[in-house]
Amino acid sequence: MSTGPPNWAGRPHHSWQQAQTHRVTVAVSAKGAEGRTDQEIDALVTEAQAAMLVRLETAVGKRG
């Protein structure tokens, strides 16, 4: 039985996001590395997901 939260100190930060539009689901995940902040990893995941959604909207728009 656990008596408290796990010790995450020193472990790489993981970030994951999922979004859905036009019946399509997109997901992005990232694992941090030494020298990268949690905020950098989260920002990169957000930027990547936004780029994927823009491309999807553009592709769907071209198809009508």
N, C-alpha and C. Protein backbone atom coordinates (compact mmCIF):
# COMPACT_ATOMS: atom_id res chain seq x y z
N MET A 1 0.84 -1.17 0.00
CA MET A 1 0.00 0.00 0.00
C MET A 1 0.88 1.24 0.00
N SER A 2 0.55 2.19 -0.87
CA SER A 2 1.30 3.43 -0.97
C SER A 2 0.87 4.40 0.12
N THR A 3 1.84 5.10 0.71
CA THR A 3 1.52 6.06 1.76
C THR A 3 1.58 7.50 1.26
N GLY A 4 1.89 7.70 0.00
CA GLY A 4 1.97 9.05 -0.53
C GLY A 4 2.23 9.02 -2.02
N PRO A 5 2.37 10.18 -2.62
CA PRO A 5 2.62 10.23 -4.06
C PRO A 5 3.99 9.68 -4.40
N PRO A 6 4.15 9.19 -5.64
CA PRO A 6 5.47 8.66 -6.03
C PRO A 6 6.49 9.79 -6.08
N ASN A 7 7.74 9.44 -5.99
CA ASN A 7 8.83 10.40 -6.06
C ASN A 7 9.19 10.62 -7.52
N TRP A 8 8.77 11.75 -8.08
CA TRP A 8 9.03 12.05 -9.48
C TRP A 8 10.29 12.89 -9.67
N ALA A 9 10.94 13.26 -8.60
CA ALA A 9 12.13 14.11 -8.69
C ALA A 9 13.19 13.45 -9.55
N GLY A 10 13.72 14.22 -10.49
CA GLY A 10 14.78 13.70 -11.35
C GLY A 10 14.30 12.94 -12.57
N ARG A 11 13.02 12.71 -12.67
CA ARG A 11 12.49 11.99 -13.84
C ARG A 11 12.10 12.98 -14.92
N PRO A 12 12.22 12.58 -16.21
CA PRO A 12 11.84 13.48 -17.30
C PRO A 12 10.34 13.80 -17.26
N HIS A 13 10.02 15.00 -17.64
CA HIS A 13 8.63 15.43 -17.72
C HIS A 13 8.00 14.84 -18.98
N HIS A 14 6.79 14.35 -18.85
CA HIS A 14 6.02 13.85 -19.99
C HIS A 14 4.82 14.76 -20.20
N SER A 15 4.52 15.04 -21.45
CA SER A 15 3.36 15.86 -21.78
C SER A 15 2.58 15.18 -22.90
N TRP A 16 1.25 15.23 -22.80
CA TRP A 16 0.40 14.58 -23.79
C TRP A 16 -0.86 15.40 -23.96
N GLN A 17 -1.27 15.61 -25.20
CA GLN A 17 -2.52 16.31 -25.48
C GLN A 17 -3.26 15.60 -26.60
N GLN A 18 -4.57 15.70 -26.56
CA GLN A 18 -5.41 15.10 -27.59
C GLN A 18 -6.51 16.09 -27.93
N ALA A 19 -6.87 16.15 -29.21
CA ALA A 19 -7.96 17.03 -29.66
C ALA A 19 -8.71 16.32 -30.78
N GLN A 20 -9.94 16.75 -30.99
CA GLN A 20 -10.76 16.15 -32.04
C GLN A 20 -11.46 17.24 -32.82
N THR A 21 -11.44 17.11 -34.14
CA THR A 21 -12.17 18.00 -35.01
C THR A 21 -12.50 17.24 -36.30
N HIS A 22 -13.63 17.54 -36.89
CA HIS A 22 -14.04 16.86 -38.14
C HIS A 22 -13.96 15.35 -38.02
N ARG A 23 -14.34 14.81 -36.91
CA ARG A 23 -14.34 13.35 -36.68
C ARG A 23 -12.93 12.75 -36.77
N VAL A 24 -11.92 13.57 -36.61
CA VAL A 24 -10.53 13.11 -36.62
C VAL A 24 -9.92 13.46 -35.27
N THR A 25 -9.22 12.51 -34.67
CA THR A 25 -8.54 12.74 -33.41
C THR A 25 -7.05 12.87 -33.67
N VAL A 26 -6.45 13.89 -33.09
CA VAL A 26 -5.00 14.06 -33.18
C VAL A 26 -4.45 14.03 -31.76
N ALA A 27 -3.27 13.47 -31.61
CA ALA A 27 -2.63 13.39 -30.30
C ALA A 27 -1.14 13.67 -30.46
N VAL A 28 -0.59 14.31 -29.45
CA VAL A 28 0.84 14.64 -29.44
C VAL A 28 1.37 14.26 -28.07
N SER A 29 2.54 13.64 -28.05
CA SER A 29 3.18 13.35 -26.77
C SER A 29 4.66 13.71 -26.87
N ALA A 30 5.23 14.02 -25.72
CA ALA A 30 6.65 14.37 -25.67
C ALA A 30 7.22 13.96 -24.33
N LYS A 31 8.48 13.64 -24.35
CA LYS A 31 9.21 13.30 -23.13
C LYS A 31 10.38 14.27 -23.01
N GLY A 32 10.47 14.90 -21.88
CA GLY A 32 11.54 15.86 -21.65
C GLY A 32 12.91 15.20 -21.56
N ALA A 33 13.91 16.04 -21.60
CA ALA A 33 15.29 15.58 -21.49
C ALA A 33 16.05 16.55 -20.60
N GLU A 34 17.19 16.11 -20.15
CA GLU A 34 18.03 16.95 -19.31
C GLU A 34 18.29 18.29 -20.00
N GLY A 35 18.13 19.36 -19.26
CA GLY A 35 18.35 20.68 -19.81
C GLY A 35 17.10 21.35 -20.35
N ARG A 36 15.99 20.62 -20.40
CA ARG A 36 14.72 21.18 -20.87
C ARG A 36 13.77 21.34 -19.69
N THR A 37 13.06 22.46 -19.66
CA THR A 37 12.11 22.68 -18.57
C THR A 37 10.76 22.06 -18.91
N ASP A 38 9.98 21.84 -17.87
CA ASP A 38 8.62 21.32 -18.07
C ASP A 38 7.83 22.27 -18.97
N GLN A 39 8.02 23.57 -18.77
CA GLN A 39 7.30 24.56 -19.55
C GLN A 39 7.68 24.50 -21.03
N GLU A 40 8.96 24.25 -21.32
CA GLU A 40 9.40 24.11 -22.72
C GLU A 40 8.72 22.92 -23.38
N ILE A 41 8.68 21.80 -22.69
CA ILE A 41 8.06 20.58 -23.24
C ILE A 41 6.58 20.82 -23.48
N ASP A 42 5.90 21.40 -22.50
CA ASP A 42 4.46 21.67 -22.66
C ASP A 42 4.21 22.62 -23.83
N ALA A 43 5.04 23.65 -23.97
CA ALA A 43 4.87 24.61 -25.07
C ALA A 43 5.09 23.94 -26.42
N LEU A 44 6.08 23.06 -26.51
CA LEU A 44 6.33 22.36 -27.77
C LEU A 44 5.18 21.44 -28.15
N VAL A 45 4.60 20.77 -27.17
CA VAL A 45 3.45 19.90 -27.43
C VAL A 45 2.26 20.73 -27.91
N THR A 46 2.01 21.85 -27.26
CA THR A 46 0.92 22.73 -27.66
C THR A 46 1.13 23.25 -29.07
N GLU A 47 2.35 23.67 -29.38
CA GLU A 47 2.68 24.17 -30.72
C GLU A 47 2.49 23.09 -31.78
N ALA A 48 2.95 21.88 -31.49
CA ALA A 48 2.82 20.78 -32.45
C ALA A 48 1.35 20.43 -32.70
N GLN A 49 0.56 20.40 -31.63
CA GLN A 49 -0.84 20.07 -31.80
C GLN A 49 -1.56 21.16 -32.60
N ALA A 50 -1.26 22.40 -32.33
CA ALA A 50 -1.87 23.50 -33.08
C ALA A 50 -1.52 23.39 -34.56
N ALA A 51 -0.27 23.08 -34.88
CA ALA A 51 0.14 22.93 -36.28
C ALA A 51 -0.61 21.78 -36.95
N MET A 52 -0.79 20.68 -36.24
CA MET A 52 -1.52 19.55 -36.80
C MET A 52 -2.98 19.92 -37.07
N LEU A 53 -3.60 20.65 -36.15
CA LEU A 53 -4.99 21.04 -36.34
C LEU A 53 -5.15 22.02 -37.50
N VAL A 54 -4.21 22.93 -37.66
CA VAL A 54 -4.27 23.87 -38.80
C VAL A 54 -4.15 23.10 -40.11
N ARG A 55 -3.22 22.15 -40.17
CA ARG A 55 -3.08 21.34 -41.39
C ARG A 55 -4.34 20.53 -41.68
N LEU A 56 -4.94 19.99 -40.64
CA LEU A 56 -6.17 19.22 -40.81
C LEU A 56 -7.29 20.12 -41.31
N GLU A 57 -7.46 21.29 -40.72
CA GLU A 57 -8.49 22.23 -41.16
C GLU A 57 -8.27 22.63 -42.62
N THR A 58 -7.03 22.85 -43.00
CA THR A 58 -6.70 23.23 -44.38
C THR A 58 -7.05 22.08 -45.34
N ALA A 59 -6.68 20.87 -44.97
CA ALA A 59 -6.96 19.71 -45.82
C ALA A 59 -8.46 19.47 -45.96
N VAL A 60 -9.19 19.58 -44.88
CA VAL A 60 -10.64 19.37 -44.93
C VAL A 60 -11.29 20.48 -45.74
N GLY A 61 -10.81 21.71 -45.60
CA GLY A 61 -11.35 22.83 -46.34
C GLY A 61 -11.16 22.68 -47.84
N LYS A 62 -10.03 22.11 -48.25
CA LYS A 62 -9.77 21.90 -49.68
C LYS A 62 -10.68 20.84 -50.28
N ARG A 63 -11.12 19.91 -49.45
CA ARG A 63 -11.95 18.82 -49.94
C ARG A 63 -13.43 19.21 -49.97
N GLY A 64 -13.74 20.33 -49.36
CA GLY A 64 -15.12 20.81 -49.40
C GLY A 64 -15.88 20.40 -48.25
